[in-house]
Amino acid sequence: MAVLRNQPWLFGEVASDATVWRTFDVIDAATLDRLRDARSAATGRLLAQLDDPGPVVIDVDASLFEIHSEHKEGATPHFKGGFGFHPMFAFGEPAGLPLAGRLRPGRAGSGDGDDHLTVIDDAIAALPDGWQRGHRLGDQPGLVQRQVLVRADTAGYSHTVIGGLAARNCLFSTPMPTGDRFDGEIHQLRYDQWQPALAADGTVRRGAQVAEIAVVPDWMPEGTRVIVRRERPHPGAPLKLWDHNGWRHQVIVTNQAGDAVELERRHRQHAQVENRIKQLTDIGDAHFPFTRLAANAAWLETMLTAALLLAATRSLLLDDELAQAEPRRLRHTLLSSPARLIRRARQRWLKLPDSWPWTDQLLAAYRRLTLLTAATA
């Protein structure tokens, strides 16, 4: 706000800090719902512009935010011995779209199934209407127009989450703890049943193999599959209880159809959600500046909105390495570009210096934006 306020000839009148503070302080639940609706509409327009968005993938994860004040409503001690908030997020692929986020107290559990389903419902509601059909609670499977895959870490392995996803006609992919029963099944696999695992880019990953076992937990929905990955741990890594013969085993459960090797590779891409959360904290103040919980929840929604704008910028306007750049680099290269605003022939012109290394990329982004705006109109 200070940067905008210091350039009134470019951005016009900008609200004072006190006005911004009061605005966040009076935001209520109804206003938050309208803000989520606005972001949902923008998400739909963005997805409509992508050439082939492909299947909808929702990555769910929670992250701890440390708070250095005991006077913030909802900030509590957490399981790692710190103090703060424990919000839960849902990001959508492609493009890493910030679909939903809920601010929770620090003591909130990572494996809270009801919180998982609340955020998943928010994420589904953020998709275009045609993408939501069949995935609202109570919808019939025949209404599904586009499959939705929800990926989670071990916190998502519960009767509540997996049963809730099945009730919403969603595909799921989540790790499963290993026990005696499944450990025995894994060690009965023959050598020829193991296939080479794939890296994220589709190439063969050295020292890793994938297999599928027939035993499925009794309470799992029909069509659930159990896929095992084994890999040699890196030198010095301690072996765990269910690691045998120098192999480390990881098990996932999923109700997707297709090749087990490809499904295991697709699940490991869930790890990128941690980088999405890291980028989100870089966009906004991760310490949450307000005392009231509702105001900080509104701050979180503003962070998600800003992240959506950056995701749209990267997806629609940029190419090369800037299309994958993190917020900090975009601020340095594009958002803080030096320029002069001049008036000529009763028009205002923004003059960009030829010496700035990213002037060409910024001009190309403006041209794409002009074409995109004209096409939309």
Protein backbone atom coordinates (compact mmCIF):
# COMPACT_ATOMS: atom_id res chain seq x y z
CA MET A 1 0.00 0.00 0.00
CA ALA A 2 2.88 2.36 0.74
CA VAL A 3 4.37 1.75 -2.71
CA LEU A 4 1.05 2.50 -4.41
CA ARG A 5 0.41 5.52 -2.20
CA ASN A 6 3.80 7.04 -3.10
CA GLN A 7 2.89 7.11 -6.81
CA PRO A 8 -0.50 8.89 -6.96
CA TRP A 9 0.13 10.06 -10.54
CA LEU A 10 0.16 6.39 -11.62
CA PHE A 11 -2.29 4.67 -9.26
CA GLY A 12 -4.52 7.53 -8.14
CA GLU A 13 -5.74 7.96 -4.59
CA VAL A 14 -4.94 5.00 -2.33
CA ALA A 15 -6.54 4.24 1.03
CA SER A 16 -4.62 5.08 4.17
CA ASP A 17 -3.36 2.39 6.54
CA ALA A 18 -6.12 3.25 9.01
CA THR A 19 -8.79 2.80 6.32
CA VAL A 20 -7.35 -0.55 5.28
CA TRP A 21 -7.23 -1.64 8.92
CA ARG A 22 -10.88 -0.68 9.52
CA THR A 23 -11.95 -2.42 6.32
CA PHE A 24 -10.51 -5.76 7.41
CA ASP A 25 -11.87 -5.30 10.91
CA VAL A 26 -15.52 -5.12 9.78
CA ILE A 27 -15.42 -8.04 7.32
CA ASP A 28 -17.86 -10.75 8.39
CA ALA A 29 -18.68 -14.29 7.23
CA ALA A 30 -21.11 -13.09 4.56
CA THR A 31 -18.46 -10.79 3.07
CA LEU A 32 -15.94 -13.65 3.07
CA ASP A 33 -18.43 -15.80 1.15
CA ARG A 34 -18.83 -13.04 -1.46
CA LEU A 35 -15.05 -12.76 -1.75
CA ARG A 36 -14.80 -16.52 -2.29
CA ASP A 37 -17.53 -16.29 -4.96
CA ALA A 38 -15.59 -13.56 -6.75
CA ARG A 39 -12.42 -15.64 -6.69
CA SER A 40 -14.40 -18.64 -7.95
CA ALA A 41 -15.64 -16.61 -10.92
CA ALA A 42 -12.09 -15.50 -11.71
CA THR A 43 -10.88 -19.11 -11.46
CA GLY A 44 -13.53 -20.17 -13.96
CA ARG A 45 -12.46 -17.48 -16.43
CA LEU A 46 -8.83 -18.50 -16.05
CA LEU A 47 -9.55 -22.18 -16.66
CA ALA A 48 -11.61 -21.24 -19.72
CA GLN A 49 -8.53 -19.53 -21.21
CA LEU A 50 -6.21 -22.52 -20.81
CA ASP A 51 -5.85 -24.61 -23.97
CA ASP A 52 -6.27 -28.01 -22.33
CA PRO A 53 -6.57 -27.85 -18.55
CA GLY A 54 -6.77 -31.65 -18.36
CA PRO A 55 -8.07 -33.47 -15.29
CA VAL A 56 -8.83 -31.51 -12.13
CA VAL A 57 -6.36 -32.30 -9.34
CA ILE A 58 -6.88 -30.84 -5.85
CA ASP A 59 -3.93 -31.01 -3.45
CA VAL A 60 -4.84 -30.61 0.23
CA ASP A 61 -2.33 -29.85 2.98
CA ALA A 62 -2.01 -27.94 6.26
CA SER A 63 0.90 -25.79 7.37
CA LEU A 64 1.96 -24.16 10.64
CA PHE A 65 2.29 -20.37 10.79
CA GLU A 66 4.28 -19.12 13.77
CA ILE A 67 2.84 -16.09 15.60
CA HIS A 68 4.96 -14.08 18.01
CA SER A 69 2.07 -12.58 19.95
CA GLU A 70 -0.32 -14.10 22.46
CA HIS A 71 -2.97 -11.45 21.79
CA LYS A 72 -4.22 -12.80 18.45
CA GLU A 73 -7.57 -14.55 18.61
CA GLY A 74 -7.30 -18.21 17.61
CA ALA A 75 -3.51 -18.43 17.93
CA THR A 76 -2.68 -21.39 20.20
CA PRO A 77 0.21 -23.75 20.98
CA HIS A 78 0.69 -26.48 18.37
CA PHE A 79 2.07 -30.00 18.29
CA LYS A 80 5.61 -28.89 17.36
CA GLY A 81 5.94 -26.83 20.51
CA GLY A 82 5.44 -23.45 18.84
CA PHE A 83 2.55 -20.99 18.87
CA GLY A 84 0.34 -19.73 16.07
CA PHE A 85 -2.16 -20.80 13.42
CA HIS A 86 -2.55 -24.07 11.51
CA PRO A 87 -4.44 -23.21 8.31
CA MET A 88 -5.42 -25.81 5.73
CA PHE A 89 -5.20 -25.16 1.97
CA ALA A 90 -6.35 -26.66 -1.30
CA PHE A 91 -4.50 -25.93 -4.54
CA GLY A 92 -5.65 -26.96 -8.00
CA GLU A 93 -3.67 -28.23 -10.93
CA PRO A 94 -3.01 -27.14 -13.58
CA ALA A 95 -1.31 -23.83 -12.86
CA GLY A 96 -1.24 -24.19 -9.06
CA LEU A 97 -4.51 -22.35 -8.55
CA PRO A 98 -5.21 -21.38 -4.90
CA LEU A 99 -8.73 -22.79 -4.63
CA ALA A 100 -9.43 -22.60 -0.90
CA GLY A 101 -7.97 -21.97 2.53
CA ARG A 102 -9.31 -22.02 6.08
CA LEU A 103 -7.64 -20.35 9.04
CA ARG A 104 -7.52 -22.71 12.04
CA PRO A 105 -6.09 -22.50 15.56
CA GLY A 106 -2.60 -23.84 16.10
CA ARG A 107 -3.93 -26.80 18.10
CA ALA A 108 -6.07 -27.99 15.15
CA GLY A 109 -4.98 -31.45 14.05
CA SER A 110 -3.41 -32.24 10.69
CA GLY A 111 -5.65 -35.29 10.35
CA ASP A 112 -8.98 -33.61 11.16
CA GLY A 113 -11.27 -35.26 8.62
CA ASP A 114 -14.05 -32.69 8.91
CA ASP A 115 -11.61 -29.84 8.20
CA HIS A 116 -10.30 -31.75 5.17
CA LEU A 117 -13.81 -32.13 3.76
CA THR A 118 -14.67 -28.47 4.47
CA VAL A 119 -11.65 -27.26 2.50
CA ILE A 120 -12.31 -29.80 -0.28
CA ASP A 121 -15.92 -28.59 -0.54
CA ASP A 122 -14.63 -25.00 -0.74
CA ALA A 123 -12.19 -26.04 -3.48
CA ILE A 124 -14.89 -27.79 -5.49
CA ALA A 125 -17.14 -24.73 -5.09
CA ALA A 126 -14.30 -22.60 -6.52
CA LEU A 127 -14.40 -24.55 -9.80
CA PRO A 128 -16.70 -23.65 -12.73
CA ASP A 129 -20.24 -24.98 -12.40
CA GLY A 130 -19.78 -27.66 -15.03
CA TRP A 131 -16.72 -28.96 -13.20
CA GLN A 132 -18.60 -29.09 -9.89
CA ARG A 133 -21.46 -31.23 -11.14
CA GLY A 134 -21.52 -34.66 -9.60
CA HIS A 135 -19.03 -33.70 -6.88
CA ARG A 136 -21.32 -31.89 -4.46
CA LEU A 137 -22.38 -33.95 -1.46
CA GLY A 138 -25.48 -35.92 -2.46
CA ASP A 139 -24.92 -35.68 -6.24
CA GLN A 140 -25.49 -38.82 -8.27
CA PRO A 141 -22.46 -40.32 -10.10
CA GLY A 142 -24.21 -39.88 -13.44
CA LEU A 143 -23.97 -36.08 -13.08
CA VAL A 144 -20.16 -36.09 -13.23
CA GLN A 145 -18.88 -34.24 -16.30
CA ARG A 146 -15.22 -33.99 -15.31
CA GLN A 147 -13.31 -36.20 -12.90
CA VAL A 148 -11.82 -34.60 -9.78
CA LEU A 149 -8.77 -36.19 -8.12
CA VAL A 150 -7.98 -35.22 -4.52
CA ARG A 151 -4.44 -35.88 -3.30
CA ALA A 152 -3.38 -35.70 0.34
CA ASP A 153 -0.61 -36.86 2.64
CA THR A 154 -1.07 -39.43 5.40
CA ALA A 155 -3.32 -36.97 7.28
CA GLY A 156 -5.95 -37.69 4.62
CA TYR A 157 -5.96 -41.43 5.31
CA SER A 158 -9.11 -41.77 7.42
CA HIS A 159 -12.63 -43.17 7.20
CA THR A 160 -14.01 -39.63 7.26
CA VAL A 161 -11.95 -38.24 4.38
CA ILE A 162 -11.95 -41.24 2.05
CA GLY A 163 -15.61 -42.01 2.75
CA GLY A 164 -16.47 -38.35 2.16
CA LEU A 165 -14.61 -38.30 -1.15
CA ALA A 166 -16.40 -41.45 -2.27
CA ALA A 167 -19.73 -39.79 -1.35
CA ARG A 168 -18.71 -36.83 -3.54
CA ASN A 169 -17.79 -39.11 -6.47
CA CYS A 170 -14.17 -37.95 -6.32
CA LEU A 171 -11.04 -39.90 -7.05
CA PHE A 172 -8.52 -40.03 -4.21
CA SER A 173 -4.84 -40.76 -3.73
CA THR A 174 -3.28 -40.85 -0.27
CA PRO A 175 -0.48 -42.73 1.54
CA MET A 176 -1.39 -45.57 3.87
CA PRO A 177 0.48 -46.64 7.03
CA THR A 178 2.04 -50.08 6.73
CA GLY A 179 1.15 -52.87 9.18
CA ASP A 180 1.88 -56.55 9.68
CA ARG A 181 -0.78 -57.64 7.18
CA PHE A 182 0.45 -55.48 4.33
CA ASP A 183 4.10 -55.95 5.21
CA GLY A 184 3.66 -59.69 4.68
CA GLU A 185 1.93 -59.12 1.34
CA ILE A 186 4.73 -56.84 0.17
CA HIS A 187 7.41 -59.43 0.92
CA GLN A 188 5.49 -62.10 -0.97
CA LEU A 189 5.82 -60.12 -4.20
CA ARG A 190 8.01 -61.83 -6.77
CA TYR A 191 10.93 -60.08 -8.42
CA ASP A 192 9.15 -59.96 -11.80
CA GLN A 193 6.15 -58.15 -10.25
CA TRP A 194 8.22 -55.03 -9.55
CA GLN A 195 8.42 -52.41 -12.30
CA PRO A 196 10.82 -49.45 -12.57
CA ALA A 197 9.42 -46.27 -11.00
CA LEU A 198 9.21 -43.03 -12.94
CA ALA A 199 10.55 -39.61 -12.03
CA ALA A 200 8.40 -36.48 -12.27
CA ASP A 201 9.51 -35.86 -15.87
CA GLY A 202 8.52 -39.38 -16.94
CA THR A 203 12.03 -40.84 -17.08
CA VAL A 204 12.98 -44.00 -15.20
CA ARG A 205 14.03 -43.29 -11.61
CA ARG A 206 17.11 -45.25 -10.70
CA GLY A 207 16.87 -47.48 -7.62
CA ALA A 208 13.07 -47.26 -7.25
CA GLN A 209 10.41 -49.82 -8.15
CA VAL A 210 6.61 -50.04 -8.05
CA ALA A 211 4.21 -52.97 -7.61
CA GLU A 212 0.53 -53.51 -6.80
CA ILE A 213 -0.82 -55.85 -4.14
CA ALA A 214 -4.28 -57.40 -4.10
CA VAL A 215 -5.06 -56.92 -0.40
CA VAL A 216 -7.21 -53.83 0.28
CA PRO A 217 -8.47 -52.55 3.66
CA ASP A 218 -11.97 -53.88 4.26
CA TRP A 219 -13.55 -50.47 4.85
CA MET A 220 -12.25 -48.93 1.61
CA PRO A 221 -14.72 -48.04 -1.20
CA GLU A 222 -15.15 -50.47 -4.06
CA GLY A 223 -12.45 -50.11 -6.70
CA THR A 224 -9.67 -49.12 -4.28
CA ARG A 225 -6.15 -50.24 -5.20
CA VAL A 226 -3.01 -50.54 -3.07
CA ILE A 227 0.24 -49.53 -4.79
CA VAL A 228 3.68 -50.03 -3.22
CA ARG A 229 6.88 -48.18 -4.00
CA ARG A 230 10.25 -49.37 -2.77
CA GLU A 231 13.47 -47.41 -2.96
CA ARG A 232 16.97 -47.56 -1.59
CA PRO A 233 17.25 -44.89 1.15
CA HIS A 234 19.98 -42.31 0.73
CA PRO A 235 23.27 -43.03 2.54
CA GLY A 236 23.00 -42.44 6.27
CA ALA A 237 19.18 -42.53 6.40
CA PRO A 238 17.90 -44.68 9.29
CA LEU A 239 15.65 -47.59 8.38
CA LYS A 240 12.16 -47.75 9.84
CA LEU A 241 10.19 -50.63 11.32
CA TRP A 242 8.77 -51.84 8.00
CA ASP A 243 11.99 -51.37 5.97
CA HIS A 244 13.60 -54.69 5.13
CA ASN A 245 16.57 -55.90 3.07
CA GLY A 246 17.77 -52.34 2.51
CA TRP A 247 14.49 -51.19 0.88
CA ARG A 248 12.21 -48.41 2.10
CA HIS A 249 8.56 -49.08 1.32
CA GLN A 250 5.82 -46.50 0.79
CA VAL A 251 2.18 -47.48 0.21
CA ILE A 252 -0.61 -45.43 -1.37
CA VAL A 253 -4.29 -46.20 -1.82
CA THR A 254 -6.26 -44.87 -4.78
CA ASN A 255 -9.44 -45.59 -6.70
CA GLN A 256 -8.04 -44.47 -10.05
CA ALA A 257 -7.86 -46.73 -13.08
CA GLY A 258 -4.71 -47.07 -15.14
CA ASP A 259 -1.11 -48.17 -14.91
CA ALA A 260 0.15 -48.45 -11.33
CA VAL A 261 3.53 -46.92 -12.18
CA GLU A 262 1.92 -43.81 -13.67
CA LEU A 263 -0.52 -43.50 -10.75
CA GLU A 264 2.36 -43.66 -8.26
CA ARG A 265 4.24 -40.97 -10.19
CA ARG A 266 1.11 -38.81 -10.25
CA HIS A 267 0.70 -39.11 -6.49
CA ARG A 268 4.27 -38.02 -5.75
CA GLN A 269 3.55 -34.77 -7.56
CA HIS A 270 1.44 -33.90 -4.51
CA ALA A 271 4.71 -32.78 -2.90
CA GLN A 272 4.55 -29.54 -4.91
CA VAL A 273 1.78 -28.30 -2.61
CA GLU A 274 4.45 -27.43 -0.05
CA ASN A 275 6.06 -25.07 -2.55
CA ARG A 276 2.62 -23.56 -3.30
CA ILE A 277 2.19 -22.78 0.40
CA LYS A 278 5.71 -21.33 0.55
CA GLN A 279 4.87 -19.01 -2.33
CA LEU A 280 1.65 -18.02 -0.61
CA THR A 281 3.54 -16.96 2.52
CA ASP A 282 5.84 -14.90 0.30
CA ILE A 283 2.83 -13.05 -1.15
CA GLY A 284 1.34 -11.92 2.17
CA ASP A 285 2.45 -11.37 5.73
CA ALA A 286 2.53 -14.90 7.15
CA HIS A 287 2.34 -13.56 10.72
CA PHE A 288 -1.22 -12.24 10.21
CA PRO A 289 -1.35 -8.60 11.35
CA PHE A 290 -4.74 -8.37 13.08
CA THR A 291 -6.01 -9.23 16.54
CA ARG A 292 -9.45 -10.59 15.56
CA LEU A 293 -9.67 -14.05 13.99
CA ALA A 294 -12.24 -12.88 11.41
CA ALA A 295 -9.91 -10.11 10.21
CA ASN A 296 -7.00 -12.55 9.85
CA ALA A 297 -9.30 -14.97 7.99
CA ALA A 298 -10.07 -12.11 5.58
CA TRP A 299 -6.33 -11.47 5.28
CA LEU A 300 -5.87 -15.11 4.29
CA GLU A 301 -8.55 -14.76 1.61
CA THR A 302 -6.72 -11.69 0.29
CA MET A 303 -3.49 -13.70 0.11
CA LEU A 304 -5.32 -16.39 -1.89
CA THR A 305 -6.74 -13.74 -4.23
CA ALA A 306 -3.29 -12.26 -4.85
CA ALA A 307 -1.91 -15.75 -5.49
CA LEU A 308 -4.67 -16.34 -8.04
CA LEU A 309 -3.76 -13.12 -9.87
CA LEU A 310 -0.10 -14.20 -10.03
CA ALA A 311 -1.10 -17.69 -11.23
CA ALA A 312 -3.17 -16.10 -14.01
CA THR A 313 -0.27 -13.81 -14.93
CA ARG A 314 2.15 -16.71 -15.19
CA SER A 315 -0.27 -18.94 -17.11
CA LEU A 316 -1.68 -16.44 -19.61
CA LEU A 317 0.87 -13.65 -20.02
CA LEU A 318 4.38 -15.02 -19.44
CA ASP A 319 6.59 -17.62 -21.04
CA ASP A 320 10.05 -19.10 -20.65
CA GLU A 321 11.43 -19.11 -17.12
CA LEU A 322 9.15 -16.33 -15.86
CA ALA A 323 6.14 -18.60 -16.41
CA GLN A 324 7.50 -20.72 -13.54
CA ALA A 325 8.95 -17.89 -11.45
CA GLU A 326 8.13 -17.50 -7.78
CA PRO A 327 6.50 -14.30 -6.44
CA ARG A 328 9.78 -12.86 -5.18
CA ARG A 329 11.36 -13.09 -8.63
CA LEU A 330 8.27 -11.64 -10.33
CA ARG A 331 8.43 -8.66 -7.98
CA HIS A 332 12.06 -8.09 -8.87
CA THR A 333 11.76 -8.54 -12.62
CA LEU A 334 8.30 -7.25 -13.58
CA LEU A 335 6.24 -5.79 -10.76
CA SER A 336 8.99 -3.36 -9.75
CA SER A 337 10.15 -2.40 -13.24
CA PRO A 338 11.48 1.19 -13.49
CA ALA A 339 9.41 3.40 -15.80
CA ARG A 340 8.25 6.95 -16.44
CA LEU A 341 4.68 8.08 -16.98
CA ILE A 342 4.47 10.94 -19.51
CA ARG A 343 1.69 12.83 -21.27
CA ARG A 344 1.79 13.35 -25.02
CA ALA A 345 -0.96 14.16 -27.50
CA ARG A 346 -3.52 14.15 -24.69
CA GLN A 347 -2.60 10.58 -23.86
CA ARG A 348 -0.60 8.99 -21.08
CA TRP A 349 2.34 6.79 -22.01
CA LEU A 350 4.36 4.46 -19.82
CA LYS A 351 7.98 4.55 -20.97
CA LEU A 352 10.05 1.50 -20.09
CA PRO A 353 13.86 1.68 -20.25
CA ASP A 354 15.65 -0.37 -22.90
CA SER A 355 18.37 -1.18 -20.39
CA TRP A 356 16.03 -3.10 -18.05
CA PRO A 357 16.71 -6.81 -18.75
CA TRP A 358 13.03 -7.79 -18.63
CA THR A 359 11.48 -4.93 -20.64
CA ASP A 360 10.81 -7.22 -23.62
CA GLN A 361 9.01 -9.78 -21.43
CA LEU A 362 6.90 -7.04 -19.83
CA LEU A 363 5.93 -5.57 -23.23
CA ALA A 364 5.05 -9.04 -24.51
CA ALA A 365 2.88 -9.58 -21.43
CA TYR A 366 1.05 -6.29 -22.11
CA ARG A 367 0.43 -7.32 -25.73
CA ARG A 368 -0.96 -10.71 -24.67
CA LEU A 369 -3.17 -8.98 -22.12
CA THR A 370 -4.52 -6.60 -24.77
CA LEU A 371 -5.32 -9.48 -27.13
CA LEU A 372 -6.85 -11.50 -24.31
CA THR A 373 -9.04 -8.58 -23.22
CA ALA A 374 -10.23 -7.97 -26.78
CA ALA A 375 -11.02 -11.65 -27.30
CA THR A 376 -12.94 -11.82 -24.04
CA ALA A 377 -14.93 -8.68 -24.90
